[in-house]
Amino acid sequence: MSAEDAPAPQDPADALAAVAALRRLADQLEDAAVEQAMRAGWSWPDVAEALGVTRQAVHKKHVKRLIAAGVKLRRRQ
């Protein structure tokens, strides 16, 4: 489905609220997927490549939350 195919609310406030809700959902899905990958032994570069971002970006965004969640993180060799 492309953006052109998606139904758009007529009210700009509704449209913007929908965008914000989708961003929150995407962040929650990313958090869960990254945690699952790290618990499965993936490396930061592996996760970064899958997300299409740099290792540094994914590390910065997720490391504190993962440590707080008790995820054992791999160290660089």
N, C-alpha and C. Protein backbone atom coordinates (compact mmCIF):
# COMPACT_ATOMS: atom_id res chain seq x y z
N MET A 1 0.85 -1.17 0.00
CA MET A 1 0.00 0.00 0.00
C MET A 1 0.90 1.24 0.00
N SER A 2 0.63 2.15 -0.89
CA SER A 2 1.39 3.39 -0.94
C SER A 2 0.60 4.49 -0.24
N ALA A 3 1.25 5.62 -0.03
CA ALA A 3 0.60 6.75 0.62
C ALA A 3 -0.62 7.21 -0.17
N GLU A 4 -0.54 7.07 -1.50
CA GLU A 4 -1.66 7.49 -2.33
C GLU A 4 -2.88 6.58 -2.14
N ASP A 5 -2.65 5.32 -1.77
CA ASP A 5 -3.73 4.36 -1.58
C ASP A 5 -4.38 4.45 -0.20
N ALA A 6 -3.67 5.04 0.75
CA ALA A 6 -4.18 5.09 2.13
C ALA A 6 -5.26 6.15 2.24
N PRO A 7 -6.34 5.81 2.95
CA PRO A 7 -7.38 6.82 3.15
C PRO A 7 -6.86 7.92 4.07
N ALA A 8 -7.09 9.15 3.68
CA ALA A 8 -6.61 10.29 4.46
C ALA A 8 -7.80 11.00 5.10
N PRO A 9 -7.71 11.27 6.40
CA PRO A 9 -8.78 12.04 7.03
C PRO A 9 -8.90 13.41 6.38
N GLN A 10 -10.11 13.93 6.30
CA GLN A 10 -10.34 15.24 5.68
C GLN A 10 -9.88 16.38 6.57
N ASP A 11 -9.97 16.19 7.88
CA ASP A 11 -9.57 17.21 8.84
C ASP A 11 -8.06 17.11 9.08
N PRO A 12 -7.31 18.20 8.87
CA PRO A 12 -5.86 18.15 9.09
C PRO A 12 -5.49 17.71 10.50
N ALA A 13 -6.26 18.09 11.50
CA ALA A 13 -5.96 17.68 12.87
C ALA A 13 -6.06 16.16 13.00
N ASP A 14 -7.05 15.56 12.36
CA ASP A 14 -7.19 14.11 12.39
C ASP A 14 -6.05 13.43 11.64
N ALA A 15 -5.68 14.01 10.50
CA ALA A 15 -4.58 13.45 9.72
C ALA A 15 -3.27 13.49 10.51
N LEU A 16 -2.99 14.61 11.17
CA LEU A 16 -1.76 14.73 11.95
C LEU A 16 -1.78 13.82 13.17
N ALA A 17 -2.93 13.66 13.80
CA ALA A 17 -3.05 12.74 14.92
C ALA A 17 -2.79 11.31 14.46
N ALA A 18 -3.26 10.96 13.27
CA ALA A 18 -3.02 9.62 12.73
C ALA A 18 -1.53 9.41 12.46
N VAL A 19 -0.85 10.41 11.94
CA VAL A 19 0.59 10.31 11.70
C VAL A 19 1.33 10.11 13.02
N ALA A 20 0.97 10.88 14.03
CA ALA A 20 1.61 10.76 15.34
C ALA A 20 1.39 9.36 15.92
N ALA A 21 0.18 8.84 15.79
CA ALA A 21 -0.13 7.51 16.30
C ALA A 21 0.68 6.44 15.56
N LEU A 22 0.82 6.59 14.24
CA LEU A 22 1.61 5.64 13.47
C LEU A 22 3.09 5.69 13.86
N ARG A 23 3.60 6.88 14.14
CA ARG A 23 5.00 7.00 14.57
C ARG A 23 5.21 6.30 15.91
N ARG A 24 4.25 6.48 16.84
CA ARG A 24 4.37 5.81 18.14
C ARG A 24 4.35 4.29 17.96
N LEU A 25 3.46 3.81 17.10
CA LEU A 25 3.37 2.38 16.84
C LEU A 25 4.66 1.87 16.20
N ALA A 26 5.19 2.60 15.23
CA ALA A 26 6.44 2.20 14.57
C ALA A 26 7.58 2.14 15.58
N ASP A 27 7.65 3.12 16.49
CA ASP A 27 8.69 3.11 17.52
C ASP A 27 8.55 1.90 18.44
N GLN A 28 7.32 1.56 18.82
CA GLN A 28 7.09 0.40 19.68
C GLN A 28 7.49 -0.88 18.97
N LEU A 29 7.14 -1.00 17.69
CA LEU A 29 7.52 -2.18 16.91
C LEU A 29 9.03 -2.29 16.76
N GLU A 30 9.69 -1.16 16.53
CA GLU A 30 11.15 -1.16 16.41
C GLU A 30 11.78 -1.57 17.73
N ASP A 31 11.31 -1.00 18.84
CA ASP A 31 11.86 -1.36 20.15
C ASP A 31 11.77 -2.86 20.39
N ALA A 32 10.61 -3.43 20.12
CA ALA A 32 10.41 -4.86 20.35
C ALA A 32 11.28 -5.70 19.43
N ALA A 33 11.39 -5.31 18.16
CA ALA A 33 12.18 -6.08 17.20
C ALA A 33 13.67 -6.00 17.52
N VAL A 34 14.14 -4.82 17.91
CA VAL A 34 15.56 -4.67 18.27
C VAL A 34 15.86 -5.50 19.51
N GLU A 35 14.99 -5.43 20.50
CA GLU A 35 15.22 -6.23 21.71
C GLU A 35 15.24 -7.72 21.37
N GLN A 36 14.31 -8.18 20.55
CA GLN A 36 14.27 -9.58 20.16
C GLN A 36 15.56 -9.98 19.44
N ALA A 37 16.02 -9.13 18.53
CA ALA A 37 17.24 -9.43 17.79
C ALA A 37 18.45 -9.49 18.72
N MET A 38 18.55 -8.53 19.64
CA MET A 38 19.70 -8.51 20.55
C MET A 38 19.67 -9.70 21.50
N ARG A 39 18.49 -10.09 21.96
CA ARG A 39 18.38 -11.28 22.81
C ARG A 39 18.76 -12.54 22.03
N ALA A 40 18.56 -12.52 20.73
CA ALA A 40 18.91 -13.65 19.87
C ALA A 40 20.38 -13.65 19.47
N GLY A 41 21.14 -12.65 19.96
CA GLY A 41 22.58 -12.63 19.69
C GLY A 41 23.03 -11.81 18.50
N TRP A 42 22.12 -11.02 17.93
CA TRP A 42 22.53 -10.17 16.80
C TRP A 42 23.52 -9.13 17.28
N SER A 43 24.35 -8.66 16.38
CA SER A 43 25.28 -7.57 16.68
C SER A 43 24.64 -6.24 16.32
N TRP A 44 25.23 -5.17 16.84
CA TRP A 44 24.73 -3.83 16.49
C TRP A 44 24.78 -3.61 14.98
N PRO A 45 25.88 -3.99 14.29
CA PRO A 45 25.89 -3.80 12.83
C PRO A 45 24.80 -4.60 12.11
N ASP A 46 24.49 -5.80 12.61
CA ASP A 46 23.42 -6.60 12.00
C ASP A 46 22.08 -5.89 12.11
N VAL A 47 21.79 -5.38 13.31
CA VAL A 47 20.52 -4.69 13.54
C VAL A 47 20.47 -3.41 12.70
N ALA A 48 21.58 -2.67 12.71
CA ALA A 48 21.63 -1.42 11.94
C ALA A 48 21.38 -1.66 10.46
N GLU A 49 22.00 -2.70 9.92
CA GLU A 49 21.82 -3.00 8.49
C GLU A 49 20.36 -3.34 8.20
N ALA A 50 19.74 -4.13 9.08
CA ALA A 50 18.34 -4.51 8.87
C ALA A 50 17.42 -3.30 8.91
N LEU A 51 17.77 -2.30 9.73
CA LEU A 51 16.95 -1.09 9.85
C LEU A 51 17.33 -0.01 8.84
N GLY A 52 18.46 -0.18 8.17
CA GLY A 52 18.89 0.82 7.19
C GLY A 52 19.45 2.08 7.83
N VAL A 53 20.09 1.91 9.00
CA VAL A 53 20.70 3.04 9.70
C VAL A 53 22.13 2.64 10.07
N THR A 54 22.86 3.56 10.69
CA THR A 54 24.22 3.25 11.12
C THR A 54 24.20 2.51 12.45
N ARG A 55 25.31 1.83 12.71
CA ARG A 55 25.46 1.13 13.99
C ARG A 55 25.37 2.13 15.14
N GLN A 56 25.99 3.27 14.95
CA GLN A 56 25.99 4.29 16.00
C GLN A 56 24.57 4.78 16.28
N ALA A 57 23.77 4.95 15.25
CA ALA A 57 22.40 5.45 15.43
C ALA A 57 21.55 4.46 16.20
N VAL A 58 21.63 3.18 15.83
CA VAL A 58 20.81 2.18 16.51
C VAL A 58 21.30 1.99 17.95
N HIS A 59 22.59 2.03 18.17
CA HIS A 59 23.14 1.89 19.52
C HIS A 59 22.67 3.04 20.40
N LYS A 60 22.81 4.26 19.90
CA LYS A 60 22.41 5.45 20.68
C LYS A 60 20.93 5.40 21.04
N LYS A 61 20.10 4.97 20.11
CA LYS A 61 18.66 4.97 20.34
C LYS A 61 18.22 3.89 21.32
N HIS A 62 18.89 2.74 21.34
CA HIS A 62 18.37 1.59 22.06
C HIS A 62 19.18 1.10 23.25
N VAL A 63 20.45 1.47 23.36
CA VAL A 63 21.32 0.83 24.36
C VAL A 63 20.83 0.99 25.79
N LYS A 64 20.43 2.18 26.19
CA LYS A 64 20.01 2.39 27.58
C LYS A 64 18.78 1.56 27.92
N ARG A 65 17.82 1.52 27.00
CA ARG A 65 16.59 0.75 27.25
C ARG A 65 16.90 -0.72 27.34
N LEU A 66 17.79 -1.21 26.48
CA LEU A 66 18.13 -2.63 26.48
C LEU A 66 18.86 -3.03 27.76
N ILE A 67 19.78 -2.19 28.20
CA ILE A 67 20.49 -2.46 29.46
C ILE A 67 19.49 -2.48 30.62
N ALA A 68 18.58 -1.51 30.65
CA ALA A 68 17.57 -1.46 31.71
C ALA A 68 16.67 -2.69 31.69
N ALA A 69 16.47 -3.26 30.50
CA ALA A 69 15.62 -4.45 30.36
C ALA A 69 16.39 -5.74 30.66
N GLY A 70 17.68 -5.61 30.97
CA GLY A 70 18.47 -6.78 31.30
C GLY A 70 18.96 -7.59 30.12
N VAL A 71 19.00 -6.97 28.95
CA VAL A 71 19.47 -7.67 27.75
C VAL A 71 20.99 -7.72 27.78
N LYS A 72 21.53 -8.92 27.62
CA LYS A 72 22.98 -9.08 27.55
C LYS A 72 23.44 -8.66 26.16
N LEU A 73 24.27 -7.64 26.11
CA LEU A 73 24.71 -7.09 24.82
C LEU A 73 26.09 -7.61 24.47
N ARG A 74 26.29 -7.83 23.18
CA ARG A 74 27.59 -8.29 22.69
C ARG A 74 28.57 -7.12 22.67
N ARG A 75 29.80 -7.43 22.99
CA ARG A 75 30.88 -6.44 22.92
C ARG A 75 31.59 -6.60 21.59
N ARG A 76 32.13 -5.50 21.09
CA ARG A 76 32.90 -5.56 19.84
C ARG A 76 34.15 -6.39 20.07
N GLN A 77 34.52 -7.15 19.07
CA GLN A 77 35.70 -8.02 19.15
C GLN A 77 36.92 -7.27 18.69
